[in-house]
Amino acid sequence: MSTLTKMKTLTMVQAITDAMRVMLEENEDVLLMGEDIGTNGGVFRATDGLQQEFGEDRVLDTPLSEAGFIGAAIGMGLNGFRPVAEVQFLGFIYPAYEQIMTHASRLRSRTLGHFTCPLVIRAPYGAGVRAPEIHSDSTEALFTHMPGIKVVCPATPYDAKGLLIAAIEDPDPILFLEPMRCYRSSREEVPEEKYTVEIGKGKVVKEGEDVTIIAWGAMVKVAEDAAKEAAGKDISCEVLDLRTLYPLDKDLISSSVQKTGRTVIVHEAHATGGVGNDVLAIINDTSFLYQKAPTERVTGFDTPVPYFGFEDFYLPDSKRVVAAVEKVARY
């Protein structure tokens, strides 16, 4: 990055707003759409002020119908626009599941590459903000199963802006997951100008030698906290932020777990059918003979996310992660 780059300190939600503003200014084919995103600026104010700045033809308030406006966004994408649709919470996306999985994800294949569907679906997700039932779902694995749609999940303001710009420029549909716990929990220096973060590439958040901890979204901070605690027990942890859940960064995963030989996977989604199982399959396929201990998973439980009074008992925390790190380190 150039030393002359102008920076500003932003929260994640501000970085997301900034990314959309950059793309609205640059490309008149970019449109925003969703429930209450215009006048009200969205549930989390991610689109605050954008309708006033760019007009009702560019920032569209839609009816309360996820199947309806996601279907409309697919049609827009097929006809030259680049729609960015906000679903208020990931748990509200299920009425649009048929549109996403039957149409958006298959259009390139169905037309033998003659048509693509540039579409970004933004969806706040995850527990930890004391939201009501369904609002806190972490069901990203439902979407990683279908080739044709990419699933992206930033954990920091810098990555959020760069990944969202990259997603809007991508020719294919992308589900852009925004961990609600991270929206305003921290600030980071973010370039004022346009930049991108490559989709499909994770990053090493912290280098280490003894154990690899793999996480994404709000669990990256949990993994970092656990790594600090483990260091006090003379266990050096490497922390990976996957950033993209489909396609997974196989090279990053394999290179790290081959170095350490021990792995802990952390995600807040349910254990059964979670993306962590796909990560584990990559470890077994590429790095089985390097492993010094069975891989541990620290996840949510196979129940609906409980009401907010019991969220903390459901979510993985650093204590559970450190226990898993000690288990693999002493195997």
C-alpha atoms as a PDB file:
ATOM      1  CA  MET A   1       0.000   0.000   0.000  1.00  0.00           C
ATOM      2  CA  SER A   2       1.313   3.439  -0.890  1.00  0.00           C
ATOM      3  CA  THR A   3       2.527   5.576   1.992  1.00  0.00           C
ATOM      4  CA  LEU A   4       0.544   8.415   0.424  1.00  0.00           C
ATOM      5  CA  THR A   5      -2.759   6.569   0.787  1.00  0.00           C
ATOM      6  CA  LYS A   6      -5.246   8.595   2.810  1.00  0.00           C
ATOM      7  CA  MET A   7      -6.670   6.598   5.690  1.00  0.00           C
ATOM      8  CA  LYS A   8      -9.655   6.969   7.967  1.00  0.00           C
ATOM      9  CA  THR A   9     -10.560   5.065  11.097  1.00  0.00           C
ATOM     10  CA  LEU A  10     -13.832   3.162  10.615  1.00  0.00           C
ATOM     11  CA  THR A  11     -16.002   0.547  12.229  1.00  0.00           C
ATOM     12  CA  MET A  12     -17.008  -2.411  10.090  1.00  0.00           C
ATOM     13  CA  VAL A  13     -20.464  -1.020   9.338  1.00  0.00           C
ATOM     14  CA  GLN A  14     -18.928   2.313   8.314  1.00  0.00           C
ATOM     15  CA  ALA A  15     -16.482   0.498   6.044  1.00  0.00           C
ATOM     16  CA  ILE A  16     -19.374  -1.347   4.409  1.00  0.00           C
ATOM     17  CA  THR A  17     -21.219   1.928   3.850  1.00  0.00           C
ATOM     18  CA  ASP A  18     -18.044   3.402   2.388  1.00  0.00           C
ATOM     19  CA  ALA A  19     -17.652   0.481  -0.019  1.00  0.00           C
ATOM     20  CA  MET A  20     -21.180   0.928  -1.328  1.00  0.00           C
ATOM     21  CA  ARG A  21     -20.697   4.689  -1.678  1.00  0.00           C
ATOM     22  CA  VAL A  22     -17.487   4.134  -3.682  1.00  0.00           C
ATOM     23  CA  MET A  23     -19.220   1.766  -6.076  1.00  0.00           C
ATOM     24  CA  LEU A  24     -22.360   3.888  -6.437  1.00  0.00           C
ATOM     25  CA  GLU A  25     -20.139   6.822  -7.399  1.00  0.00           C
ATOM     26  CA  GLU A  26     -18.023   4.814  -9.831  1.00  0.00           C
ATOM     27  CA  ASN A  27     -20.606   2.681 -11.630  1.00  0.00           C
ATOM     28  CA  GLU A  28     -24.131   3.846 -12.456  1.00  0.00           C
ATOM     29  CA  ASP A  29     -25.179   0.217 -12.926  1.00  0.00           C
ATOM     30  CA  VAL A  30     -24.768  -0.413  -9.188  1.00  0.00           C
ATOM     31  CA  LEU A  31     -28.092  -0.348  -7.343  1.00  0.00           C
ATOM     32  CA  LEU A  32     -28.964  -0.952  -3.704  1.00  0.00           C
ATOM     33  CA  MET A  33     -32.250  -2.577  -2.717  1.00  0.00           C
ATOM     34  CA  GLY A  34     -33.885  -3.959   0.386  1.00  0.00           C
ATOM     35  CA  GLU A  35     -36.393  -3.391   3.152  1.00  0.00           C
ATOM     36  CA  ASP A  36     -36.086   0.016   4.858  1.00  0.00           C
ATOM     37  CA  ILE A  37     -32.629   0.706   3.391  1.00  0.00           C
ATOM     38  CA  GLY A  38     -33.564   4.070   1.904  1.00  0.00           C
ATOM     39  CA  THR A  39     -35.338   6.503   4.193  1.00  0.00           C
ATOM     40  CA  ASN A  40     -34.373   4.608   7.351  1.00  0.00           C
ATOM     41  CA  GLY A  41     -30.862   3.619   6.270  1.00  0.00           C
ATOM     42  CA  GLY A  42     -31.328  -0.068   7.061  1.00  0.00           C
ATOM     43  CA  VAL A  43     -31.686  -1.937  10.347  1.00  0.00           C
ATOM     44  CA  PHE A  44     -28.020  -1.367  11.228  1.00  0.00           C
ATOM     45  CA  ARG A  45     -27.742   1.948   9.320  1.00  0.00           C
ATOM     46  CA  ALA A  46     -25.369   0.400   6.775  1.00  0.00           C
ATOM     47  CA  THR A  47     -27.046   2.407   3.985  1.00  0.00           C
ATOM     48  CA  ASP A  48     -27.602   5.544   6.042  1.00  0.00           C
ATOM     49  CA  GLY A  49     -27.625   8.651   3.839  1.00  0.00           C
ATOM     50  CA  LEU A  50     -27.082   6.818   0.563  1.00  0.00           C
ATOM     51  CA  GLN A  51     -30.611   7.336  -0.779  1.00  0.00           C
ATOM     52  CA  GLN A  52     -30.369  11.047  -0.042  1.00  0.00           C
ATOM     53  CA  GLU A  53     -27.011  11.151  -1.835  1.00  0.00           C
ATOM     54  CA  PHE A  54     -27.807   8.993  -4.869  1.00  0.00           C
ATOM     55  CA  GLY A  55     -31.592   9.131  -5.168  1.00  0.00           C
ATOM     56  CA  GLU A  56     -34.491   6.715  -5.020  1.00  0.00           C
ATOM     57  CA  ASP A  57     -33.628   5.229  -8.429  1.00  0.00           C
ATOM     58  CA  ARG A  58     -30.289   3.975  -7.102  1.00  0.00           C
ATOM     59  CA  VAL A  59     -31.226   3.081  -3.509  1.00  0.00           C
ATOM     60  CA  LEU A  60     -34.573   1.308  -3.575  1.00  0.00           C
ATOM     61  CA  ASP A  61     -36.876   0.536  -0.666  1.00  0.00           C
ATOM     62  CA  THR A  62     -38.577  -2.779  -1.418  1.00  0.00           C
ATOM     63  CA  PRO A  63     -41.723  -4.499  -0.153  1.00  0.00           C
ATOM     64  CA  LEU A  64     -41.349  -6.939   2.700  1.00  0.00           C
ATOM     65  CA  SER A  65     -40.799  -9.948   0.437  1.00  0.00           C
ATOM     66  CA  GLU A  66     -37.378 -11.563   0.328  1.00  0.00           C
ATOM     67  CA  ALA A  67     -38.381 -13.919  -2.473  1.00  0.00           C
ATOM     68  CA  GLY A  68     -39.749 -10.961  -4.419  1.00  0.00           C
ATOM     69  CA  PHE A  69     -36.855  -8.537  -4.237  1.00  0.00           C
ATOM     70  CA  ILE A  70     -34.141 -11.210  -4.536  1.00  0.00           C
ATOM     71  CA  GLY A  71     -35.931 -12.499  -7.634  1.00  0.00           C
ATOM     72  CA  ALA A  72     -36.074  -8.940  -8.988  1.00  0.00           C
ATOM     73  CA  ALA A  73     -32.355  -8.491  -8.224  1.00  0.00           C
ATOM     74  CA  ILE A  74     -31.538 -11.645 -10.195  1.00  0.00           C
ATOM     75  CA  GLY A  75     -33.420 -10.220 -13.170  1.00  0.00           C
ATOM     76  CA  MET A  76     -31.562  -6.937 -12.823  1.00  0.00           C
ATOM     77  CA  GLY A  77     -28.225  -8.733 -12.729  1.00  0.00           C
ATOM     78  CA  LEU A  78     -29.093 -10.606 -15.911  1.00  0.00           C
ATOM     79  CA  ASN A  79     -29.922  -7.331 -17.634  1.00  0.00           C
ATOM     80  CA  GLY A  80     -26.730  -5.413 -17.023  1.00  0.00           C
ATOM     81  CA  PHE A  81     -27.170  -3.987 -13.525  1.00  0.00           C
ATOM     82  CA  ARG A  82     -25.112  -4.804 -10.464  1.00  0.00           C
ATOM     83  CA  PRO A  83     -27.646  -5.018  -7.643  1.00  0.00           C
ATOM     84  CA  VAL A  84     -26.638  -5.134  -3.989  1.00  0.00           C
ATOM     85  CA  ALA A  85     -29.574  -6.518  -2.037  1.00  0.00           C
ATOM     86  CA  GLU A  86     -29.776  -6.308   1.744  1.00  0.00           C
ATOM     87  CA  VAL A  87     -31.571  -9.050   3.654  1.00  0.00           C
ATOM     88  CA  GLN A  88     -32.143  -7.629   7.120  1.00  0.00           C
ATOM     89  CA  PHE A  89     -30.881 -10.769   8.887  1.00  0.00           C
ATOM     90  CA  LEU A  90     -29.552 -14.047   7.501  1.00  0.00           C
ATOM     91  CA  GLY A  91     -32.413 -15.779   9.305  1.00  0.00           C
ATOM     92  CA  PHE A  92     -34.845 -13.875   7.055  1.00  0.00           C
ATOM     93  CA  ILE A  93     -33.292 -15.184   3.834  1.00  0.00           C
ATOM     94  CA  TYR A  94     -35.109 -18.510   3.777  1.00  0.00           C
ATOM     95  CA  PRO A  95     -38.104 -17.311   1.688  1.00  0.00           C
ATOM     96  CA  ALA A  96     -35.537 -16.347  -0.997  1.00  0.00           C
ATOM     97  CA  TYR A  97     -33.648 -19.647  -0.809  1.00  0.00           C
ATOM     98  CA  GLU A  98     -35.379 -21.048  -3.865  1.00  0.00           C
ATOM     99  CA  GLN A  99     -34.511 -17.981  -5.950  1.00  0.00           C
ATOM    100  CA  ILE A 100     -30.866 -18.125  -4.874  1.00  0.00           C
ATOM    101  CA  MET A 101     -30.262 -21.846  -5.212  1.00  0.00           C
ATOM    102  CA  THR A 102     -32.490 -22.621  -8.199  1.00  0.00           C
ATOM    103  CA  HIS A 103     -31.789 -19.556 -10.302  1.00  0.00           C
ATOM    104  CA  ALA A 104     -28.958 -17.222  -9.236  1.00  0.00           C
ATOM    105  CA  SER A 105     -26.426 -19.976  -8.618  1.00  0.00           C
ATOM    106  CA  ARG A 106     -27.213 -21.862 -11.845  1.00  0.00           C
ATOM    107  CA  LEU A 107     -27.532 -19.191 -14.501  1.00  0.00           C
ATOM    108  CA  ARG A 108     -23.943 -19.368 -15.759  1.00  0.00           C
ATOM    109  CA  SER A 109     -24.187 -23.149 -15.993  1.00  0.00           C
ATOM    110  CA  ARG A 110     -27.720 -23.134 -17.398  1.00  0.00           C
ATOM    111  CA  THR A 111     -26.759 -20.794 -20.246  1.00  0.00           C
ATOM    112  CA  LEU A 112     -23.394 -22.492 -20.920  1.00  0.00           C
ATOM    113  CA  GLY A 113     -21.570 -19.348 -19.881  1.00  0.00           C
ATOM    114  CA  HIS A 114     -23.528 -16.978 -22.128  1.00  0.00           C
ATOM    115  CA  PHE A 115     -25.038 -15.172 -19.117  1.00  0.00           C
ATOM    116  CA  THR A 116     -23.816 -14.364 -15.654  1.00  0.00           C
ATOM    117  CA  CYS A 117     -25.649 -12.924 -12.683  1.00  0.00           C
ATOM    118  CA  PRO A 118     -23.649 -10.218 -10.881  1.00  0.00           C
ATOM    119  CA  LEU A 119     -25.516  -9.985  -7.601  1.00  0.00           C
ATOM    120  CA  VAL A 120     -24.440  -9.321  -4.021  1.00  0.00           C
ATOM    121  CA  ILE A 121     -26.750 -10.323  -1.188  1.00  0.00           C
ATOM    122  CA  ARG A 122     -25.702  -8.652   2.063  1.00  0.00           C
ATOM    123  CA  ALA A 123     -26.877 -10.398   5.221  1.00  0.00           C
ATOM    124  CA  PRO A 124     -26.054  -9.565   8.848  1.00  0.00           C
ATOM    125  CA  TYR A 125     -25.709 -12.818  10.774  1.00  0.00           C
ATOM    126  CA  GLY A 126     -24.656 -14.434  14.026  1.00  0.00           C
ATOM    127  CA  ALA A 127     -25.387 -14.288  17.724  1.00  0.00           C
ATOM    128  CA  GLY A 128     -24.012 -12.109  20.473  1.00  0.00           C
ATOM    129  CA  VAL A 129     -26.087  -8.943  20.057  1.00  0.00           C
ATOM    130  CA  ARG A 130     -29.098 -10.083  22.092  1.00  0.00           C
ATOM    131  CA  ALA A 131     -31.447 -10.282  19.098  1.00  0.00           C
ATOM    132  CA  PRO A 132     -34.757 -12.193  19.061  1.00  0.00           C
ATOM    133  CA  GLU A 133     -35.330 -15.676  17.645  1.00  0.00           C
ATOM    134  CA  ILE A 134     -34.213 -16.306  14.015  1.00  0.00           C
ATOM    135  CA  HIS A 135     -32.260 -13.020  13.901  1.00  0.00           C
ATOM    136  CA  SER A 136     -29.061 -14.712  15.144  1.00  0.00           C
ATOM    137  CA  ASP A 137     -28.846 -17.711  12.809  1.00  0.00           C
ATOM    138  CA  SER A 138     -25.445 -18.768  11.476  1.00  0.00           C
ATOM    139  CA  THR A 139     -26.521 -21.015   8.607  1.00  0.00           C
ATOM    140  CA  GLU A 140     -23.801 -20.205   6.079  1.00  0.00           C
ATOM    141  CA  ALA A 141     -23.334 -23.907   5.270  1.00  0.00           C
ATOM    142  CA  LEU A 142     -26.730 -23.964   3.549  1.00  0.00           C
ATOM    143  CA  PHE A 143     -25.209 -21.814   0.810  1.00  0.00           C
ATOM    144  CA  THR A 144     -21.700 -23.253   0.530  1.00  0.00           C
ATOM    145  CA  HIS A 145     -23.218 -26.497  -0.718  1.00  0.00           C
ATOM    146  CA  MET A 146     -24.270 -25.068  -4.096  1.00  0.00           C
ATOM    147  CA  PRO A 147     -21.582 -24.394  -6.733  1.00  0.00           C
ATOM    148  CA  GLY A 148     -22.215 -21.119  -8.528  1.00  0.00           C
ATOM    149  CA  ILE A 149     -22.554 -18.836  -5.537  1.00  0.00           C
ATOM    150  CA  LYS A 150     -19.592 -17.575  -3.501  1.00  0.00           C
ATOM    151  CA  VAL A 151     -19.877 -17.013   0.235  1.00  0.00           C
ATOM    152  CA  VAL A 152     -17.773 -14.241   1.785  1.00  0.00           C
ATOM    153  CA  CYS A 153     -17.432 -13.311   5.462  1.00  0.00           C
ATOM    154  CA  PRO A 154     -15.131 -10.483   6.638  1.00  0.00           C
ATOM    155  CA  ALA A 155     -13.993 -10.102  10.229  1.00  0.00           C
ATOM    156  CA  THR A 156     -12.454  -6.604  10.116  1.00  0.00           C
ATOM    157  CA  PRO A 157     -13.363  -3.171   8.712  1.00  0.00           C
ATOM    158  CA  TYR A 158     -10.452  -3.225   6.216  1.00  0.00           C
ATOM    159  CA  ASP A 159     -11.464  -6.612   4.823  1.00  0.00           C
ATOM    160  CA  ALA A 160     -15.150  -5.680   4.817  1.00  0.00           C
ATOM    161  CA  LYS A 161     -14.634  -2.739   2.464  1.00  0.00           C
ATOM    162  CA  GLY A 162     -12.177  -4.497   0.183  1.00  0.00           C
ATOM    163  CA  LEU A 163     -14.171  -7.710  -0.033  1.00  0.00           C
ATOM    164  CA  LEU A 164     -17.470  -5.907  -0.642  1.00  0.00           C
ATOM    165  CA  ILE A 165     -16.006  -3.890  -3.522  1.00  0.00           C
ATOM    166  CA  ALA A 166     -14.546  -7.098  -4.969  1.00  0.00           C
ATOM    167  CA  ALA A 167     -17.934  -8.793  -4.570  1.00  0.00           C
ATOM    168  CA  ILE A 168     -19.797  -6.000  -6.385  1.00  0.00           C
ATOM    169  CA  GLU A 169     -17.322  -6.246  -9.272  1.00  0.00           C
ATOM    170  CA  ASP A 170     -17.558 -10.035  -9.453  1.00  0.00           C
ATOM    171  CA  PRO A 171     -19.574 -11.416 -12.399  1.00  0.00           C
ATOM    172  CA  ASP A 172     -21.291 -14.074 -10.301  1.00  0.00           C
ATOM    173  CA  PRO A 173     -23.642 -14.075  -7.295  1.00  0.00           C
ATOM    174  CA  ILE A 174     -22.134 -13.645  -3.847  1.00  0.00           C
ATOM    175  CA  LEU A 175     -23.629 -14.017  -0.387  1.00  0.00           C
ATOM    176  CA  PHE A 176     -21.843 -11.395   1.727  1.00  0.00           C
ATOM    177  CA  LEU A 177     -22.152 -12.268   5.401  1.00  0.00           C
ATOM    178  CA  GLU A 178     -21.670  -9.482   7.938  1.00  0.00           C
ATOM    179  CA  PRO A 179     -21.104 -10.606  11.548  1.00  0.00           C
ATOM    180  CA  MET A 180     -23.286  -8.344  13.639  1.00  0.00           C
ATOM    181  CA  ARG A 181     -20.993  -8.582  16.662  1.00  0.00           C
ATOM    182  CA  CYS A 182     -18.251  -6.964  14.582  1.00  0.00           C
ATOM    183  CA  TYR A 183     -20.292  -4.047  13.208  1.00  0.00           C
ATOM    184  CA  ARG A 184     -19.241  -1.577  15.906  1.00  0.00           C
ATOM    185  CA  SER A 185     -16.989  -3.600  18.198  1.00  0.00           C
ATOM    186  CA  SER A 186     -13.709  -2.187  16.873  1.00  0.00           C
ATOM    187  CA  ARG A 187     -12.194   0.419  14.580  1.00  0.00           C
ATOM    188  CA  GLU A 188      -9.404   0.116  12.042  1.00  0.00           C
ATOM    189  CA  GLU A 189      -7.595   2.295   9.548  1.00  0.00           C
ATOM    190  CA  VAL A 190      -9.192   1.888   6.118  1.00  0.00           C
ATOM    191  CA  PRO A 191      -8.055   3.551   2.860  1.00  0.00           C
ATOM    192  CA  GLU A 192     -10.398   6.295   1.669  1.00  0.00           C
ATOM    193  CA  GLU A 193      -9.960   5.251  -1.956  1.00  0.00           C
ATOM    194  CA  LYS A 194     -11.150   2.170  -3.774  1.00  0.00           C
ATOM    195  CA  TYR A 195      -9.285  -1.086  -3.155  1.00  0.00           C
ATOM    196  CA  THR A 196     -10.148  -4.783  -3.236  1.00  0.00           C
ATOM    197  CA  VAL A 197      -9.389  -7.857  -1.167  1.00  0.00           C
ATOM    198  CA  GLU A 198      -9.231 -11.028  -3.234  1.00  0.00           C
ATOM    199  CA  ILE A 199     -12.193 -13.356  -2.821  1.00  0.00           C
ATOM    200  CA  GLY A 200     -11.194 -16.946  -2.117  1.00  0.00           C
ATOM    201  CA  LYS A 201      -8.099 -16.019  -0.127  1.00  0.00           C
ATOM    202  CA  GLY A 202      -7.816 -16.183   3.646  1.00  0.00           C
ATOM    203  CA  LYS A 203      -5.083 -14.656   5.759  1.00  0.00           C
ATOM    204  CA  VAL A 204      -2.788 -15.416   8.665  1.00  0.00           C
ATOM    205  CA  VAL A 205      -3.923 -13.155  11.503  1.00  0.00           C
ATOM    206  CA  LYS A 206      -1.216 -14.335  13.890  1.00  0.00           C
ATOM    207  CA  GLU A 207       1.739 -16.584  13.184  1.00  0.00           C
ATOM    208  CA  GLY A 208       2.502 -19.497  15.491  1.00  0.00           C
ATOM    209  CA  GLU A 209       4.270 -22.845  15.663  1.00  0.00           C
ATOM    210  CA  ASP A 210       2.323 -25.317  17.796  1.00  0.00           C
ATOM    211  CA  VAL A 211      -1.397 -25.197  16.941  1.00  0.00           C
ATOM    212  CA  THR A 212      -3.440 -23.739  14.066  1.00  0.00           C
ATOM    213  CA  ILE A 213      -6.760 -22.105  15.007  1.00  0.00           C
ATOM    214  CA  ILE A 214      -9.075 -21.614  12.019  1.00  0.00           C
ATOM    215  CA  ALA A 215     -12.043 -19.227  12.251  1.00  0.00           C
ATOM    216  CA  TRP A 216     -14.123 -16.638  10.399  1.00  0.00           C
ATOM    217  CA  GLY A 217     -16.453 -13.771  11.175  1.00  0.00           C
ATOM    218  CA  ALA A 218     -16.918 -12.919  14.845  1.00  0.00           C
ATOM    219  CA  MET A 219     -15.033 -16.058  15.872  1.00  0.00           C
ATOM    220  CA  VAL A 220     -11.742 -14.603  14.621  1.00  0.00           C
ATOM    221  CA  LYS A 221     -11.581 -12.320  17.653  1.00  0.00           C
ATOM    222  CA  VAL A 222     -12.412 -15.283  19.901  1.00  0.00           C
ATOM    223  CA  ALA A 223      -9.574 -17.230  18.256  1.00  0.00           C
ATOM    224  CA  GLU A 224      -7.166 -14.316  18.767  1.00  0.00           C
ATOM    225  CA  ASP A 225      -8.108 -14.037  22.439  1.00  0.00           C
ATOM    226  CA  ALA A 226      -7.625 -17.785  22.865  1.00  0.00           C
ATOM    227  CA  ALA A 227      -4.201 -17.590  21.206  1.00  0.00           C
ATOM    228  CA  LYS A 228      -3.139 -14.914  23.708  1.00  0.00           C
ATOM    229  CA  GLU A 229      -4.315 -17.059  26.622  1.00  0.00           C
ATOM    230  CA  ALA A 230      -2.582 -20.126  25.200  1.00  0.00           C
ATOM    231  CA  ALA A 231       0.669 -18.178  24.895  1.00  0.00           C
ATOM    232  CA  GLY A 232       0.599 -17.835  28.674  1.00  0.00           C
ATOM    233  CA  LYS A 233       0.631 -21.637  28.802  1.00  0.00           C
ATOM    234  CA  ASP A 234       3.638 -21.802  26.438  1.00  0.00           C
ATOM    235  CA  ILE A 235       1.538 -22.873  23.443  1.00  0.00           C
ATOM    236  CA  SER A 236       2.196 -20.882  20.266  1.00  0.00           C
ATOM    237  CA  CYS A 237      -0.951 -20.619  18.118  1.00  0.00           C
ATOM    238  CA  GLU A 238      -1.300 -19.602  14.494  1.00  0.00           C
ATOM    239  CA  VAL A 239      -4.659 -17.963  13.769  1.00  0.00           C
ATOM    240  CA  LEU A 240      -6.252 -18.103  10.311  1.00  0.00           C
ATOM    241  CA  ASP A 241      -9.165 -15.961   9.121  1.00  0.00           C
ATOM    242  CA  LEU A 242     -10.719 -17.774   6.151  1.00  0.00           C
ATOM    243  CA  ARG A 243     -12.593 -14.648   4.913  1.00  0.00           C
ATOM    244  CA  THR A 244     -14.211 -16.689   2.105  1.00  0.00           C
ATOM    245  CA  LEU A 245     -16.223 -19.807   2.939  1.00  0.00           C
ATOM    246  CA  TYR A 246     -16.794 -20.865  -0.654  1.00  0.00           C
ATOM    247  CA  PRO A 247     -14.404 -21.385  -2.279  1.00  0.00           C
ATOM    248  CA  LEU A 248     -12.190 -22.201   0.689  1.00  0.00           C
ATOM    249  CA  ASP A 249      -8.505 -21.290   0.598  1.00  0.00           C
ATOM    250  CA  LYS A 250      -7.077 -24.824   0.507  1.00  0.00           C
ATOM    251  CA  ASP A 251      -3.490 -23.638   0.135  1.00  0.00           C
ATOM    252  CA  LEU A 252      -3.648 -21.464   3.251  1.00  0.00           C
ATOM    253  CA  ILE A 253      -5.257 -24.201   5.317  1.00  0.00           C
ATOM    254  CA  SER A 254      -2.878 -26.946   4.238  1.00  0.00           C
ATOM    255  CA  SER A 255       0.292 -24.877   4.589  1.00  0.00           C
ATOM    256  CA  SER A 256      -0.580 -23.847   8.146  1.00  0.00           C
ATOM    257  CA  VAL A 257      -1.711 -27.232   9.435  1.00  0.00           C
ATOM    258  CA  GLN A 258       1.312 -28.918   7.861  1.00  0.00           C
ATOM    259  CA  LYS A 259       3.530 -26.487   9.774  1.00  0.00           C
ATOM    260  CA  THR A 260       1.889 -26.955  13.177  1.00  0.00           C
ATOM    261  CA  GLY A 261       0.514 -30.497  12.920  1.00  0.00           C
ATOM    262  CA  ARG A 262      -2.339 -29.643  15.279  1.00  0.00           C
ATOM    263  CA  THR A 263      -5.608 -27.856  14.479  1.00  0.00           C
ATOM    264  CA  VAL A 264      -8.650 -26.341  16.193  1.00  0.00           C
ATOM    265  CA  ILE A 265     -11.581 -25.172  14.039  1.00  0.00           C
ATOM    266  CA  VAL A 266     -13.911 -22.567  15.559  1.00  0.00           C
ATOM    267  CA  HIS A 267     -17.342 -21.525  14.266  1.00  0.00           C
ATOM    268  CA  GLU A 268     -20.569 -20.453  15.901  1.00  0.00           C
ATOM    269  CA  ALA A 269     -22.800 -22.424  13.532  1.00  0.00           C
ATOM    270  CA  HIS A 270     -24.190 -25.805  14.541  1.00  0.00           C
ATOM    271  CA  ALA A 271     -21.648 -28.624  14.681  1.00  0.00           C
ATOM    272  CA  THR A 272     -23.528 -30.944  12.348  1.00  0.00           C
ATOM    273  CA  GLY A 273     -23.134 -29.938   8.706  1.00  0.00           C
ATOM    274  CA  GLY A 274     -21.036 -26.863   9.517  1.00  0.00           C
ATOM    275  CA  VAL A 275     -18.392 -25.395   7.204  1.00  0.00           C
ATOM    276  CA  GLY A 276     -15.814 -26.636   9.707  1.00  0.00           C
ATOM    277  CA  ASN A 277     -16.470 -30.138   8.394  1.00  0.00           C
ATOM    278  CA  ASP A 278     -15.350 -29.034   4.922  1.00  0.00           C
ATOM    279  CA  VAL A 279     -12.222 -27.506   6.454  1.00  0.00           C
ATOM    280  CA  LEU A 280     -11.563 -30.801   8.223  1.00  0.00           C
ATOM    281  CA  ALA A 281     -11.973 -32.674   4.917  1.00  0.00           C
ATOM    282  CA  ILE A 282      -9.327 -30.418   3.345  1.00  0.00           C
ATOM    283  CA  ILE A 283      -6.974 -31.174   6.245  1.00  0.00           C
ATOM    284  CA  ASN A 284      -7.512 -34.910   5.821  1.00  0.00           C
ATOM    285  CA  ASP A 285      -7.136 -34.764   2.034  1.00  0.00           C
ATOM    286  CA  THR A 286      -4.001 -32.616   1.928  1.00  0.00           C
ATOM    287  CA  SER A 287      -2.263 -32.959   5.270  1.00  0.00           C
ATOM    288  CA  PHE A 288      -3.301 -36.130   7.079  1.00  0.00           C
ATOM    289  CA  LEU A 289       0.231 -37.498   7.456  1.00  0.00           C
ATOM    290  CA  TYR A 290       1.419 -34.204   8.966  1.00  0.00           C
ATOM    291  CA  GLN A 291      -1.043 -34.333  11.843  1.00  0.00           C
ATOM    292  CA  LYS A 292       0.197 -35.005  15.365  1.00  0.00           C
ATOM    293  CA  ALA A 293      -3.282 -35.009  16.938  1.00  0.00           C
ATOM    294  CA  PRO A 294      -6.910 -35.354  15.847  1.00  0.00           C
ATOM    295  CA  THR A 295      -8.444 -32.006  14.862  1.00  0.00           C
ATOM    296  CA  GLU A 296     -10.751 -30.447  17.434  1.00  0.00           C
ATOM    297  CA  ARG A 297     -13.881 -28.434  16.586  1.00  0.00           C
ATOM    298  CA  VAL A 298     -15.321 -25.761  18.878  1.00  0.00           C
ATOM    299  CA  THR A 299     -18.775 -24.828  17.607  1.00  0.00           C
ATOM    300  CA  GLY A 300     -22.303 -23.874  18.467  1.00  0.00           C
ATOM    301  CA  PHE A 301     -24.597 -26.690  19.523  1.00  0.00           C
ATOM    302  CA  ASP A 302     -27.154 -28.598  17.469  1.00  0.00           C
ATOM    303  CA  THR A 303     -30.053 -26.495  18.709  1.00  0.00           C
ATOM    304  CA  PRO A 304     -31.613 -23.257  17.475  1.00  0.00           C
ATOM    305  CA  VAL A 305     -29.725 -20.242  18.803  1.00  0.00           C
ATOM    306  CA  PRO A 306     -31.338 -19.725  22.225  1.00  0.00           C
ATOM    307  CA  TYR A 307     -33.046 -16.604  23.435  1.00  0.00           C
ATOM    308  CA  PHE A 308     -30.689 -13.777  24.306  1.00  0.00           C
ATOM    309  CA  GLY A 309     -30.487 -14.578  27.997  1.00  0.00           C
ATOM    310  CA  PHE A 310     -28.720 -17.846  27.128  1.00  0.00           C
ATOM    311  CA  GLU A 311     -26.667 -16.770  24.103  1.00  0.00           C
ATOM    312  CA  ASP A 312     -23.397 -16.824  26.008  1.00  0.00           C
ATOM    313  CA  PHE A 313     -23.866 -20.497  26.848  1.00  0.00           C
ATOM    314  CA  TYR A 314     -24.326 -21.288  23.147  1.00  0.00           C
ATOM    315  CA  LEU A 315     -21.498 -19.292  21.606  1.00  0.00           C
ATOM    316  CA  PRO A 316     -17.906 -20.556  21.555  1.00  0.00           C
ATOM    317  CA  ASP A 317     -15.693 -18.470  23.814  1.00  0.00           C
ATOM    318  CA  SER A 318     -11.954 -18.268  24.394  1.00  0.00           C
ATOM    319  CA  LYS A 319     -12.184 -20.636  27.383  1.00  0.00           C
ATOM    320  CA  ARG A 320     -13.626 -23.432  25.225  1.00  0.00           C
ATOM    321  CA  VAL A 321     -11.089 -22.739  22.485  1.00  0.00           C
ATOM    322  CA  VAL A 322      -8.143 -22.793  24.890  1.00  0.00           C
ATOM    323  CA  ALA A 323      -9.335 -26.134  26.274  1.00  0.00           C
ATOM    324  CA  ALA A 324      -9.342 -27.543  22.731  1.00  0.00           C
ATOM    325  CA  VAL A 325      -5.890 -26.058  22.055  1.00  0.00           C
ATOM    326  CA  GLU A 326      -4.507 -27.704  25.203  1.00  0.00           C
ATOM    327  CA  LYS A 327      -6.086 -31.005  24.235  1.00  0.00           C
ATOM    328  CA  VAL A 328      -4.430 -31.142  20.812  1.00  0.00           C
ATOM    329  CA  ALA A 329      -1.137 -29.759  22.134  1.00  0.00           C
ATOM    330  CA  ARG A 330      -0.857 -32.487  24.783  1.00  0.00           C
ATOM    331  CA  TYR A 331      -2.182 -35.367  22.689  1.00  0.00           C
END
